[in-house]
Amino acid sequence: MLKSNVGGIDRVLRILVGLALLAGFFLNAEASYRWAYLIGVVPLLTGLMGSCPLYSIFGFNSCPMKK
């Protein structure tokens, strides 16, 4: 299992952005680059899982520090 490295506000923003992009995919049926909206899957999944592989690579962590 991946270590959690995405904090609360970051998770909420990722989920909202992912859902907005996926909604754009379904609501913008005539767009020529409609498939580009599918990139919304990435922030949605990282927000739901609470772990971002790029954060791990760069050593970034937005989770609050544990005492």
N, C-alpha and C. Protein backbone atom coordinates (compact mmCIF):
# COMPACT_ATOMS: atom_id res chain seq x y z
N MET A 1 0.85 -1.19 0.00
CA MET A 1 0.00 0.00 0.00
C MET A 1 0.88 1.24 0.00
N LEU A 2 0.43 2.25 -0.69
CA LEU A 2 1.18 3.50 -0.76
C LEU A 2 1.00 4.29 0.52
N LYS A 3 2.06 4.98 0.91
CA LYS A 3 2.01 5.81 2.11
C LYS A 3 1.20 7.08 1.82
N SER A 4 0.36 7.46 2.75
CA SER A 4 -0.47 8.65 2.58
C SER A 4 0.40 9.90 2.62
N ASN A 5 0.34 10.70 1.56
CA ASN A 5 1.13 11.92 1.50
C ASN A 5 0.32 13.12 0.99
N VAL A 6 -1.00 12.98 0.96
CA VAL A 6 -1.88 14.05 0.49
C VAL A 6 -2.77 14.46 1.66
N GLY A 7 -2.70 15.73 2.05
CA GLY A 7 -3.46 16.24 3.18
C GLY A 7 -4.93 16.49 2.86
N GLY A 8 -5.68 16.93 3.87
CA GLY A 8 -7.13 17.08 3.77
C GLY A 8 -7.59 18.07 2.72
N ILE A 9 -7.07 19.29 2.75
CA ILE A 9 -7.49 20.30 1.77
C ILE A 9 -7.04 19.90 0.38
N ASP A 10 -5.85 19.37 0.28
CA ASP A 10 -5.32 18.90 -1.00
C ASP A 10 -6.20 17.80 -1.58
N ARG A 11 -6.64 16.88 -0.73
CA ARG A 11 -7.51 15.78 -1.18
C ARG A 11 -8.84 16.32 -1.71
N VAL A 12 -9.44 17.25 -0.97
CA VAL A 12 -10.74 17.80 -1.38
C VAL A 12 -10.60 18.52 -2.72
N LEU A 13 -9.55 19.31 -2.87
CA LEU A 13 -9.34 20.02 -4.14
C LEU A 13 -9.10 19.07 -5.30
N ARG A 14 -8.34 18.03 -5.07
CA ARG A 14 -8.09 17.04 -6.12
C ARG A 14 -9.38 16.35 -6.54
N ILE A 15 -10.21 15.98 -5.57
CA ILE A 15 -11.47 15.32 -5.89
C ILE A 15 -12.39 16.26 -6.66
N LEU A 16 -12.48 17.51 -6.24
CA LEU A 16 -13.34 18.47 -6.93
C LEU A 16 -12.86 18.74 -8.35
N VAL A 17 -11.56 18.92 -8.53
CA VAL A 17 -11.01 19.16 -9.87
C VAL A 17 -11.23 17.94 -10.76
N GLY A 18 -11.00 16.76 -10.21
CA GLY A 18 -11.21 15.54 -10.99
C GLY A 18 -12.66 15.37 -11.42
N LEU A 19 -13.58 15.62 -10.50
CA LEU A 19 -15.00 15.51 -10.84
C LEU A 19 -15.41 16.57 -11.86
N ALA A 20 -14.88 17.78 -11.73
CA ALA A 20 -15.20 18.85 -12.67
C ALA A 20 -14.71 18.51 -14.09
N LEU A 21 -13.50 17.98 -14.18
CA LEU A 21 -12.98 17.60 -15.49
C LEU A 21 -13.77 16.45 -16.11
N LEU A 22 -14.13 15.47 -15.31
CA LEU A 22 -14.93 14.37 -15.83
C LEU A 22 -16.33 14.83 -16.22
N ALA A 23 -16.89 15.78 -15.49
CA ALA A 23 -18.19 16.35 -15.86
C ALA A 23 -18.06 17.07 -17.20
N GLY A 24 -16.96 17.77 -17.41
CA GLY A 24 -16.71 18.43 -18.69
C GLY A 24 -16.67 17.44 -19.84
N PHE A 25 -16.14 16.26 -19.59
CA PHE A 25 -16.09 15.22 -20.62
C PHE A 25 -17.51 14.84 -21.07
N PHE A 26 -18.41 14.69 -20.11
CA PHE A 26 -19.77 14.27 -20.45
C PHE A 26 -20.64 15.43 -20.93
N LEU A 27 -20.38 16.63 -20.46
CA LEU A 27 -21.22 17.77 -20.82
C LEU A 27 -20.79 18.48 -22.10
N ASN A 28 -19.57 18.24 -22.55
CA ASN A 28 -19.03 18.92 -23.72
C ASN A 28 -18.82 17.91 -24.84
N ALA A 29 -19.91 17.32 -25.28
CA ALA A 29 -19.85 16.20 -26.23
C ALA A 29 -19.31 16.58 -27.61
N GLU A 30 -19.48 17.83 -28.03
CA GLU A 30 -19.05 18.23 -29.37
C GLU A 30 -17.63 18.79 -29.42
N ALA A 31 -16.93 18.82 -28.31
CA ALA A 31 -15.58 19.38 -28.28
C ALA A 31 -14.61 18.51 -29.08
N SER A 32 -13.68 19.15 -29.78
CA SER A 32 -12.74 18.40 -30.61
C SER A 32 -11.69 17.66 -29.76
N TYR A 33 -11.34 18.22 -28.62
CA TYR A 33 -10.39 17.57 -27.72
C TYR A 33 -11.09 17.07 -26.46
N ARG A 34 -12.23 16.46 -26.63
CA ARG A 34 -13.03 15.97 -25.51
C ARG A 34 -12.26 14.97 -24.67
N TRP A 35 -11.44 14.17 -25.27
CA TRP A 35 -10.68 13.15 -24.56
C TRP A 35 -9.73 13.74 -23.52
N ALA A 36 -9.34 15.01 -23.69
CA ALA A 36 -8.41 15.64 -22.74
C ALA A 36 -9.03 15.79 -21.35
N TYR A 37 -10.36 15.84 -21.29
CA TYR A 37 -11.03 15.92 -19.99
C TYR A 37 -10.81 14.65 -19.15
N LEU A 38 -10.46 13.56 -19.79
CA LEU A 38 -10.26 12.31 -19.05
C LEU A 38 -9.04 12.36 -18.13
N ILE A 39 -8.21 13.38 -18.26
CA ILE A 39 -7.09 13.56 -17.33
C ILE A 39 -7.61 13.76 -15.91
N GLY A 40 -8.89 14.08 -15.77
CA GLY A 40 -9.52 14.24 -14.47
C GLY A 40 -9.50 12.97 -13.64
N VAL A 41 -9.27 11.84 -14.26
CA VAL A 41 -9.19 10.58 -13.52
C VAL A 41 -7.99 10.59 -12.57
N VAL A 42 -6.90 11.23 -12.99
CA VAL A 42 -5.67 11.24 -12.18
C VAL A 42 -5.88 11.98 -10.85
N PRO A 43 -6.32 13.25 -10.85
CA PRO A 43 -6.52 13.89 -9.55
C PRO A 43 -7.62 13.24 -8.72
N LEU A 44 -8.64 12.71 -9.39
CA LEU A 44 -9.71 12.04 -8.66
C LEU A 44 -9.18 10.81 -7.92
N LEU A 45 -8.42 9.98 -8.58
CA LEU A 45 -7.88 8.78 -7.94
C LEU A 45 -6.86 9.10 -6.85
N THR A 46 -5.98 10.07 -7.11
CA THR A 46 -5.00 10.41 -6.08
C THR A 46 -5.67 11.05 -4.87
N GLY A 47 -6.75 11.79 -5.10
CA GLY A 47 -7.50 12.36 -3.98
C GLY A 47 -8.22 11.29 -3.18
N LEU A 48 -8.81 10.33 -3.87
CA LEU A 48 -9.52 9.26 -3.17
C LEU A 48 -8.57 8.32 -2.43
N MET A 49 -7.41 8.05 -3.02
CA MET A 49 -6.44 7.15 -2.39
C MET A 49 -5.65 7.85 -1.29
N GLY A 50 -5.50 9.17 -1.39
CA GLY A 50 -4.72 9.90 -0.39
C GLY A 50 -3.23 9.80 -0.59
N SER A 51 -2.82 9.32 -1.76
CA SER A 51 -1.40 9.16 -2.05
C SER A 51 -1.12 9.60 -3.47
N CYS A 52 -0.06 10.38 -3.64
CA CYS A 52 0.32 10.86 -4.97
C CYS A 52 1.74 10.36 -5.28
N PRO A 53 1.90 9.60 -6.36
CA PRO A 53 3.23 9.09 -6.72
C PRO A 53 4.24 10.20 -6.98
N LEU A 54 3.82 11.31 -7.58
CA LEU A 54 4.77 12.41 -7.83
C LEU A 54 5.24 13.04 -6.53
N TYR A 55 4.35 13.13 -5.54
CA TYR A 55 4.76 13.64 -4.23
C TYR A 55 5.85 12.74 -3.65
N SER A 56 5.71 11.43 -3.82
CA SER A 56 6.72 10.50 -3.31
C SER A 56 8.06 10.68 -4.01
N ILE A 57 8.02 10.87 -5.31
CA ILE A 57 9.26 11.04 -6.08
C ILE A 57 10.01 12.30 -5.65
N PHE A 58 9.27 13.41 -5.46
CA PHE A 58 9.90 14.68 -5.12
C PHE A 58 10.02 14.90 -3.61
N GLY A 59 9.54 13.96 -2.80
CA GLY A 59 9.68 14.06 -1.35
C GLY A 59 8.76 15.09 -0.71
N PHE A 60 7.64 15.38 -1.36
CA PHE A 60 6.69 16.36 -0.85
C PHE A 60 5.59 15.65 -0.06
N ASN A 61 5.10 16.30 0.99
CA ASN A 61 4.05 15.71 1.81
C ASN A 61 3.16 16.84 2.31
N SER A 62 1.86 16.78 2.00
CA SER A 62 0.94 17.81 2.47
C SER A 62 0.08 17.36 3.64
N CYS A 63 0.39 16.19 4.18
CA CYS A 63 -0.33 15.71 5.38
C CYS A 63 0.17 16.48 6.61
N PRO A 64 -0.74 16.69 7.56
CA PRO A 64 -0.29 17.34 8.79
C PRO A 64 0.71 16.46 9.55
N MET A 65 1.62 17.09 10.25
CA MET A 65 2.62 16.34 11.02
C MET A 65 1.98 15.66 12.21
N LYS A 66 2.38 14.41 12.43
CA LYS A 66 1.86 13.65 13.58
C LYS A 66 2.75 13.89 14.78
N LYS A 67 2.10 14.03 15.96
CA LYS A 67 2.85 14.28 17.18
C LYS A 67 3.16 12.99 17.90
